[in-house]
Amino acid sequence: MRLNNFAPWRFLTVTLFHLDAFDTMMLWVRFGLSLSIIIFVLVLTAFSAIYPDKLFLGRFDTSSVDIFQGLFDKLSSSVVDDWYTGLNNGLGLTTSEVLVLTKYLESQVHDLPKYVKTSVYGWCTTKYAEEEVWQQDGTWKQIHNSTTETSCRFEGAHYLMNYRDLLNELGLGLVLSFAYGYKYKSGQLIDDTPEGKSFEKYIITFSWRKYQLLSVLYAIGVMELAILVGIFPYYNLKYNPLRQRMSRILLHSLSVLKLLIFALAVVTVVCFTIITLSMRYKISIELDSYGFSYHLGGAWFTFLWLFAFSNIASCLLWSGYEWCITNPSILHDSEETTFMLGVHMIPMQKSSAGSRKNINIEETSYEGNLIRTNSSDTVYSRAEAILPSSAFHF
């Protein structure tokens, strides 16, 4: 099949044929921005689900060295203050006590992942691989090598990292006990304090909000696709004098839709940023002394802000340009009048040459000021206001 016989290609060729350089540039810039917005929506949602270890909202650092040091400091101060003050005058732990405590803490943090990445639909853990190394004393010892192992879990669109439950799942109940006052009941760690209930409400509220934001992202993608489809019909009708009403309806529809998309995009970007920064702040306040930290996902938020800037530029080129810079109604009325005068309202005069009724073109000169016409006038009344009455003698 030849390309010239392909219907969409013929439609595109006809559309571009009657456009000047500026309109052609505007068409392709608007088309490119709409296409980029759709791509960014797919990256932030679908691609994030496919590659959760690369496109993630945040990274929860769980370095065993930092956690070991934080737990050791907390346990040491607790033991000195509560248990050993009467035995050694609060000067510290004995050597044997330090060794026992160190062994216990090592067993707690030995198998921790290097960090946990929280994506839009789940989370991934990354840890160093281990290998058995023969020691000179005739024993084997497990050490970390440079190879990393990553395992991911899909949770769904409602997922939001509950870092307290995550600590419990990683076997760090000791941190929960010291940081939040968790207690064991029936072999399970629970937190029935008012602060614990407030945290659960916080997780439920933000997880539901995140689910709504994902739905808004998908809606933006669908609406942007509608704009992408409507661009070429609009430019095809723009300079057609017989389809000016349809052209204006399509123009204002696309501009209103673009303004709605812009508002939704701004709300989505701001809310995603607030949710992630709020999570980082809470972790910093509650768990920083235990060696934990939380960082924003660089790649995902880069695409999020590119998505925001693309929406700003696209809205300016649609709603801003069409409503604030140009006045389409004056332009369309002028074009329609010119077309009607040039084709249908040529001044003519009947010939007196019998039954053949030859028609001669009568040259008419007119000097004077142009009169502004209203769009509500008929074509005839607009022509009558511009031309002298002698031009209408037949």
Protein backbone atom coordinates (compact mmCIF):
# COMPACT_ATOMS: atom_id res chain seq x y z
CA MET A 1 0.00 0.00 0.00
CA ARG A 2 1.45 3.36 -1.06
CA LEU A 3 1.74 6.07 1.58
CA ASN A 4 -0.17 8.56 -0.57
CA ASN A 5 -3.20 6.25 -0.57
CA PHE A 6 -3.21 5.98 3.23
CA ALA A 7 -6.27 7.92 4.48
CA PRO A 8 -4.69 9.45 7.64
CA TRP A 9 -1.67 10.52 5.60
CA ARG A 10 -3.91 12.23 3.02
CA PHE A 11 -5.80 13.96 5.82
CA LEU A 12 -2.52 15.18 7.35
CA THR A 13 -1.26 16.39 3.97
CA VAL A 14 -4.45 18.35 3.30
CA THR A 15 -4.38 19.80 6.82
CA LEU A 16 -0.80 21.04 6.56
CA PHE A 17 -1.16 22.32 2.99
CA HIS A 18 -3.14 25.46 3.84
CA LEU A 19 -1.28 26.35 7.08
CA ASP A 20 1.35 29.06 7.22
CA ALA A 21 4.71 28.59 8.96
CA PHE A 22 3.51 29.86 12.35
CA ASP A 23 0.41 27.65 12.48
CA THR A 24 2.46 24.65 11.37
CA MET A 25 4.91 25.28 14.17
CA MET A 26 2.09 25.68 16.72
CA LEU A 27 0.47 22.46 15.53
CA TRP A 28 3.60 20.37 16.01
CA VAL A 29 4.55 21.99 19.34
CA ARG A 30 1.06 21.34 20.71
CA PHE A 31 1.12 17.82 19.34
CA GLY A 32 4.55 17.15 20.89
CA LEU A 33 3.54 18.48 24.31
CA SER A 34 0.36 16.36 24.39
CA LEU A 35 2.32 13.29 23.35
CA SER A 36 4.97 13.93 26.02
CA ILE A 37 2.30 14.30 28.72
CA ILE A 38 0.81 10.92 27.77
CA ILE A 39 4.28 9.35 27.89
CA PHE A 40 4.97 10.87 31.32
CA VAL A 41 1.66 9.49 32.64
CA LEU A 42 2.65 6.01 31.44
CA VAL A 43 6.10 6.33 33.03
CA LEU A 44 4.68 7.47 36.37
CA THR A 45 2.12 4.65 36.50
CA ALA A 46 2.54 1.63 34.21
CA PHE A 47 6.33 1.76 33.85
CA SER A 48 6.65 2.30 37.60
CA ALA A 49 4.77 -0.96 38.13
CA ILE A 50 7.01 -2.79 35.63
CA TYR A 51 10.29 -1.39 37.01
CA PRO A 52 9.63 -0.72 40.72
CA ASP A 53 13.32 -0.89 41.65
CA LYS A 54 14.18 1.94 39.21
CA LEU A 55 11.09 4.17 39.29
CA PHE A 56 10.24 4.49 42.98
CA LEU A 57 8.67 7.16 45.18
CA GLY A 58 11.21 6.90 47.98
CA ARG A 59 14.07 4.88 49.43
CA PHE A 60 14.04 3.76 53.06
CA ASP A 61 17.67 3.26 54.08
CA THR A 62 18.18 0.38 56.51
CA SER A 63 21.96 0.21 56.77
CA SER A 64 22.84 -2.49 59.31
CA VAL A 65 25.91 -0.55 60.50
CA ASP A 66 23.94 2.61 61.28
CA ILE A 67 21.08 0.68 62.86
CA PHE A 68 23.49 -1.37 64.95
CA GLN A 69 25.14 1.79 66.27
CA GLY A 70 21.80 3.43 67.00
CA LEU A 71 20.41 0.39 68.81
CA PHE A 72 23.64 -0.08 70.74
CA ASP A 73 23.56 3.51 71.99
CA LYS A 74 19.91 3.22 73.04
CA LEU A 75 20.38 -0.11 74.79
CA SER A 76 23.56 1.03 76.51
CA SER A 77 21.94 4.15 77.92
CA SER A 78 18.87 2.19 78.99
CA VAL A 79 20.85 -0.50 80.75
CA VAL A 80 23.09 2.01 82.49
CA ASP A 81 20.20 4.17 83.66
CA ASP A 82 17.77 1.45 84.72
CA TRP A 83 19.68 -1.68 85.67
CA TYR A 84 23.31 -1.02 86.43
CA THR A 85 23.30 2.31 88.16
CA GLY A 86 23.32 0.69 91.57
CA LEU A 87 26.12 -1.78 90.68
CA ASN A 88 28.71 0.35 88.91
CA ASN A 89 27.61 3.86 89.90
CA GLY A 90 26.32 4.55 86.39
CA LEU A 91 29.77 4.48 84.83
CA GLY A 92 28.76 2.07 82.03
CA LEU A 93 28.66 -1.60 81.08
CA THR A 94 31.22 -4.21 81.90
CA THR A 95 33.22 -5.89 79.14
CA SER A 96 31.21 -9.11 79.29
CA GLU A 97 27.95 -7.20 79.20
CA VAL A 98 29.08 -5.24 76.16
CA LEU A 99 30.02 -8.49 74.38
CA VAL A 100 26.65 -10.09 75.11
CA LEU A 101 24.82 -6.97 74.01
CA THR A 102 26.89 -6.73 70.84
CA LYS A 103 26.15 -10.34 69.89
CA TYR A 104 22.45 -9.79 70.44
CA LEU A 105 22.35 -6.66 68.29
CA GLU A 106 24.36 -8.35 65.53
CA SER A 107 21.79 -11.13 65.37
CA GLN A 108 19.02 -8.54 65.02
CA VAL A 109 20.54 -6.55 62.14
CA HIS A 110 22.61 -9.26 60.43
CA ASP A 111 20.20 -10.05 57.60
CA LEU A 112 18.73 -6.60 57.03
CA PRO A 113 18.45 -5.29 53.46
CA LYS A 114 20.59 -2.39 52.43
CA TYR A 115 17.50 -0.32 51.66
CA VAL A 116 13.80 -0.64 50.85
CA LYS A 117 12.42 1.12 47.78
CA THR A 118 8.76 2.09 47.93
CA SER A 119 7.19 2.38 44.48
CA VAL A 120 3.70 3.36 43.35
CA TYR A 121 2.33 -0.19 43.53
CA GLY A 122 4.62 -2.00 45.98
CA TRP A 123 8.11 -2.18 47.40
CA CYS A 124 11.50 -3.78 46.79
CA THR A 125 14.30 -4.80 49.13
CA THR A 126 17.94 -4.75 48.10
CA LYS A 127 20.64 -6.53 50.06
CA TYR A 128 24.20 -7.60 49.51
CA ALA A 129 24.70 -11.22 48.58
CA GLU A 130 26.62 -13.36 51.08
CA GLU A 131 29.28 -15.95 50.61
CA GLU A 132 31.00 -18.45 52.93
CA VAL A 133 34.68 -17.66 53.50
CA TRP A 134 37.12 -20.08 55.18
CA GLN A 135 38.87 -18.56 58.19
CA GLN A 136 42.37 -19.34 59.47
CA ASP A 137 40.96 -20.66 62.73
CA GLY A 138 39.26 -23.48 60.80
CA THR A 139 35.76 -21.99 60.69
CA TRP A 140 33.50 -20.63 57.96
CA LYS A 141 32.23 -17.06 58.07
CA GLN A 142 29.50 -15.40 56.04
CA ILE A 143 30.55 -12.05 54.56
CA HIS A 144 28.87 -9.63 52.18
CA ASN A 145 30.23 -9.27 48.67
CA SER A 146 29.66 -6.57 46.06
CA THR A 147 26.73 -8.39 44.43
CA THR A 148 23.24 -7.18 45.33
CA GLU A 149 20.02 -9.14 45.43
CA THR A 150 16.68 -7.42 44.81
CA SER A 151 13.25 -8.83 45.56
CA CYS A 152 10.00 -6.95 44.89
CA ARG A 153 6.43 -7.31 46.09
CA PHE A 154 3.33 -5.98 44.34
CA GLU A 155 0.74 -4.52 46.75
CA GLY A 156 -1.70 -2.56 44.57
CA ALA A 157 -2.71 1.03 43.92
CA HIS A 158 -3.70 1.63 47.58
CA TYR A 159 -0.21 0.80 48.81
CA LEU A 160 1.61 3.35 50.96
CA MET A 161 4.66 2.33 52.96
CA ASN A 162 3.77 1.65 56.58
CA TYR A 163 7.31 1.81 57.89
CA ARG A 164 6.34 0.57 61.36
CA ASP A 165 4.85 -2.63 59.97
CA LEU A 166 7.88 -2.89 57.70
CA LEU A 167 10.24 -2.76 60.69
CA ASN A 168 8.28 -5.53 62.36
CA GLU A 169 8.43 -7.61 59.17
CA LEU A 170 12.19 -7.10 58.98
CA GLY A 171 12.58 -8.44 62.52
CA LEU A 172 13.31 -5.10 64.17
CA GLY A 173 10.80 -5.37 66.97
CA LEU A 174 13.44 -3.98 69.32
CA VAL A 175 13.32 -0.67 67.46
CA LEU A 176 9.53 -0.58 67.74
CA SER A 177 9.75 -1.23 71.48
CA PHE A 178 12.22 1.57 72.11
CA ALA A 179 10.87 4.13 69.63
CA TYR A 180 7.11 3.67 70.02
CA GLY A 181 6.55 1.62 73.16
CA TYR A 182 5.32 -1.51 71.36
CA LYS A 183 4.59 -4.44 73.68
CA TYR A 184 4.35 -8.15 73.12
CA LYS A 185 0.90 -9.68 73.58
CA SER A 186 0.25 -13.29 72.61
CA GLY A 187 3.56 -13.37 70.78
CA GLN A 188 2.79 -10.31 68.65
CA LEU A 189 3.96 -6.73 68.85
CA ILE A 190 1.05 -4.33 69.19
CA ASP A 191 0.69 -0.62 69.80
CA ASP A 192 -2.53 0.38 71.52
CA THR A 193 -1.41 3.90 72.41
CA PRO A 194 -3.28 6.99 71.11
CA GLU A 195 -0.21 7.89 69.06
CA GLY A 196 -0.30 4.48 67.38
CA LYS A 197 -3.96 4.90 66.44
CA SER A 198 -3.20 8.35 65.06
CA PHE A 199 -0.45 6.86 62.89
CA GLU A 200 -2.80 4.21 61.52
CA LYS A 201 -5.28 6.93 60.60
CA TYR A 202 -2.45 8.84 58.90
CA ILE A 203 -1.52 5.80 56.76
CA ILE A 204 -5.15 5.08 55.80
CA THR A 205 -5.83 8.71 54.83
CA PHE A 206 -2.70 9.12 52.71
CA SER A 207 -3.02 5.71 51.06
CA TRP A 208 -6.55 6.57 49.92
CA ARG A 209 -5.37 9.95 48.69
CA LYS A 210 -2.56 8.31 46.74
CA TYR A 211 -5.08 5.95 45.13
CA GLN A 212 -7.17 8.94 44.04
CA LEU A 213 -4.09 10.67 42.61
CA LEU A 214 -3.28 7.63 40.49
CA SER A 215 -6.86 7.66 39.16
CA VAL A 216 -6.44 11.35 38.30
CA LEU A 217 -3.20 10.57 36.43
CA TYR A 218 -4.98 7.99 34.29
CA ALA A 219 -7.84 10.44 33.65
CA ILE A 220 -5.32 13.07 32.54
CA GLY A 221 -3.82 10.56 30.11
CA VAL A 222 -7.24 9.84 28.57
CA MET A 223 -8.17 13.54 28.26
CA GLU A 224 -4.78 14.36 26.76
CA LEU A 225 -5.33 11.60 24.21
CA ALA A 226 -8.62 13.29 23.26
CA ILE A 227 -6.74 16.56 22.71
CA LEU A 228 -4.14 14.72 20.65
CA VAL A 229 -6.89 13.35 18.41
CA GLY A 230 -8.66 16.72 18.13
CA ILE A 231 -5.63 18.81 17.12
CA PHE A 232 -5.62 17.89 13.43
CA PRO A 233 -9.40 18.26 12.84
CA TYR A 234 -9.20 21.72 14.43
CA TYR A 235 -6.41 22.88 12.12
CA ASN A 236 -8.18 21.28 9.17
CA LEU A 237 -11.28 23.39 9.87
CA LYS A 238 -9.52 26.56 11.00
CA TYR A 239 -9.33 28.25 7.58
CA ASN A 240 -12.45 26.69 6.08
CA PRO A 241 -14.95 29.60 5.73
CA LEU A 242 -17.91 27.24 5.66
CA ARG A 243 -16.96 25.50 8.93
CA GLN A 244 -16.05 28.45 11.16
CA ARG A 245 -18.69 27.70 13.78
CA MET A 246 -17.48 24.11 14.13
CA SER A 247 -13.88 25.34 14.26
CA ARG A 248 -14.63 27.73 17.13
CA ILE A 249 -16.56 25.09 19.06
CA LEU A 250 -13.67 22.68 18.71
CA LEU A 251 -11.15 25.36 19.68
CA HIS A 252 -12.94 26.33 22.88
CA SER A 253 -13.61 22.69 23.78
CA LEU A 254 -9.91 21.84 23.49
CA SER A 255 -8.92 24.96 25.46
CA VAL A 256 -11.36 24.22 28.29
CA LEU A 257 -10.19 20.61 28.42
CA LYS A 258 -6.57 21.75 28.49
CA LEU A 259 -7.30 24.13 31.38
CA LEU A 260 -8.97 21.31 33.32
CA ILE A 261 -6.00 19.01 32.70
CA PHE A 262 -3.63 21.73 33.90
CA ALA A 263 -5.54 22.18 37.18
CA LEU A 264 -5.65 18.42 37.82
CA ALA A 265 -1.95 18.06 37.00
CA VAL A 266 -0.94 20.80 39.45
CA VAL A 267 -3.00 19.23 42.24
CA THR A 268 -1.53 15.79 41.50
CA VAL A 269 2.08 16.99 41.51
CA VAL A 270 1.66 19.00 44.71
CA CYS A 271 -0.13 16.18 46.56
CA PHE A 272 2.41 13.51 45.57
CA THR A 273 5.20 15.80 46.76
CA ILE A 274 3.45 16.54 50.05
CA ILE A 275 2.81 12.85 50.75
CA THR A 276 6.44 11.90 50.16
CA LEU A 277 7.92 14.85 52.06
CA SER A 278 5.56 14.17 54.96
CA MET A 279 6.75 10.56 55.08
CA ARG A 280 10.38 11.66 55.05
CA TYR A 281 9.76 14.16 57.84
CA LYS A 282 8.06 11.62 60.12
CA ILE A 283 10.83 9.06 59.62
CA SER A 284 13.47 11.71 60.29
CA ILE A 285 11.80 12.76 63.55
CA GLU A 286 11.03 9.26 64.82
CA LEU A 287 13.85 7.03 63.56
CA ASP A 288 16.84 9.20 62.71
CA SER A 289 18.58 8.35 65.99
CA TYR A 290 18.25 4.63 65.16
CA GLY A 291 20.09 4.97 61.85
CA PHE A 292 17.10 5.07 59.48
CA SER A 293 16.57 7.66 56.74
CA TYR A 294 14.21 8.26 53.83
CA HIS A 295 15.03 9.84 50.45
CA LEU A 296 12.93 10.87 47.46
CA GLY A 297 13.12 8.74 44.33
CA GLY A 298 15.16 10.86 41.93
CA ALA A 299 14.03 9.34 38.62
CA TRP A 300 10.31 9.20 39.47
CA PHE A 301 10.14 12.76 40.74
CA THR A 302 12.15 14.01 37.76
CA PHE A 303 9.44 12.62 35.47
CA LEU A 304 6.76 14.06 37.77
CA TRP A 305 8.14 17.59 37.46
CA LEU A 306 8.70 17.20 33.71
CA PHE A 307 5.03 16.20 33.58
CA ALA A 308 4.15 19.41 35.46
CA PHE A 309 6.23 21.67 33.20
CA SER A 310 4.78 20.06 30.06
CA ASN A 311 1.27 20.77 31.32
CA ILE A 312 2.14 24.38 32.08
CA ALA A 313 3.58 24.92 28.60
CA SER A 314 0.69 23.12 26.90
CA CYS A 315 -1.92 25.14 28.82
CA LEU A 316 -0.20 28.40 27.87
CA LEU A 317 -0.16 27.42 24.18
CA TRP A 318 -3.84 26.44 24.22
CA SER A 319 -5.91 28.38 26.76
CA GLY A 320 -3.43 31.21 27.28
CA TYR A 321 -2.71 31.87 23.62
CA GLU A 322 -6.24 31.41 22.25
CA TRP A 323 -8.08 33.31 25.00
CA CYS A 324 -5.60 35.93 26.16
CA ILE A 325 -3.40 36.77 23.17
CA THR A 326 -5.58 36.34 20.08
CA ASN A 327 -9.21 37.26 19.44
CA PRO A 328 -10.55 34.43 17.28
CA SER A 329 -13.99 35.98 16.73
CA ILE A 330 -12.62 39.05 14.95
CA LEU A 331 -10.27 36.92 12.88
CA HIS A 332 -12.98 34.52 11.78
CA ASP A 333 -15.47 37.29 10.94
CA SER A 334 -12.90 39.08 8.83
CA GLU A 335 -12.05 35.91 6.94
CA GLU A 336 -15.69 35.09 6.33
CA THR A 337 -16.46 38.58 5.02
CA THR A 338 -13.45 38.54 2.70
CA PHE A 339 -14.47 35.17 1.30
CA MET A 340 -18.07 36.16 0.74
CA LEU A 341 -17.15 39.44 -0.90
CA GLY A 342 -14.51 37.84 -3.07
CA VAL A 343 -16.71 35.01 -4.37
CA HIS A 344 -20.41 35.76 -4.02
CA MET A 345 -20.80 39.54 -3.81
CA ILE A 346 -19.05 40.61 -7.03
CA PRO A 347 -20.92 43.75 -8.22
CA MET A 348 -22.60 43.03 -11.54
CA GLN A 349 -24.87 44.84 -14.01
CA LYS A 350 -27.36 43.33 -16.47
CA SER A 351 -26.66 43.93 -20.11
CA SER A 352 -29.30 45.41 -22.42
CA ALA A 353 -28.32 43.07 -25.25
CA GLY A 354 -31.60 41.20 -25.62
CA SER A 355 -32.35 37.70 -24.49
CA ARG A 356 -28.76 36.50 -24.16
CA LYS A 357 -28.50 38.41 -20.87
CA ASN A 358 -24.76 38.87 -20.90
CA ILE A 359 -23.41 40.04 -17.59
CA ASN A 360 -20.69 42.67 -17.49
CA ILE A 361 -18.48 43.33 -14.53
CA GLU A 362 -18.90 46.90 -13.37
CA GLU A 363 -15.80 48.52 -11.93
CA THR A 364 -16.61 50.34 -8.76
CA SER A 365 -14.35 52.70 -6.91
CA TYR A 366 -14.99 53.62 -3.35
CA GLU A 367 -13.20 56.08 -1.15
CA GLY A 368 -13.98 56.37 2.48
CA ASN A 369 -13.52 54.76 5.85
CA LEU A 370 -14.24 51.12 6.55
CA ILE A 371 -17.22 50.49 8.78
CA ARG A 372 -16.94 47.88 11.50
CA THR A 373 -19.59 45.21 11.24
CA ASN A 374 -21.07 42.97 13.90
CA SER A 375 -20.89 39.20 13.69
CA SER A 376 -24.66 39.04 14.15
CA ASP A 377 -25.31 40.91 10.85
CA THR A 378 -26.18 38.99 7.74
CA VAL A 379 -23.67 38.62 4.94
CA TYR A 380 -25.71 40.98 2.75
CA SER A 381 -25.95 43.70 5.41
CA ARG A 382 -22.22 43.53 6.07
CA ALA A 383 -21.50 43.92 2.34
CA GLU A 384 -24.04 46.73 2.06
CA ALA A 385 -22.29 48.63 4.85
CA ILE A 386 -18.95 48.40 3.06
CA LEU A 387 -19.89 48.93 -0.65
CA PRO A 388 -21.80 51.82 -2.24
CA SER A 389 -25.42 51.27 -3.26
CA SER A 390 -24.56 51.49 -6.97
CA ALA A 391 -22.69 48.21 -6.68
CA PHE A 392 -25.96 46.36 -6.16
CA HIS A 393 -27.61 47.43 -9.44
CA PHE A 394 -28.20 44.43 -11.69
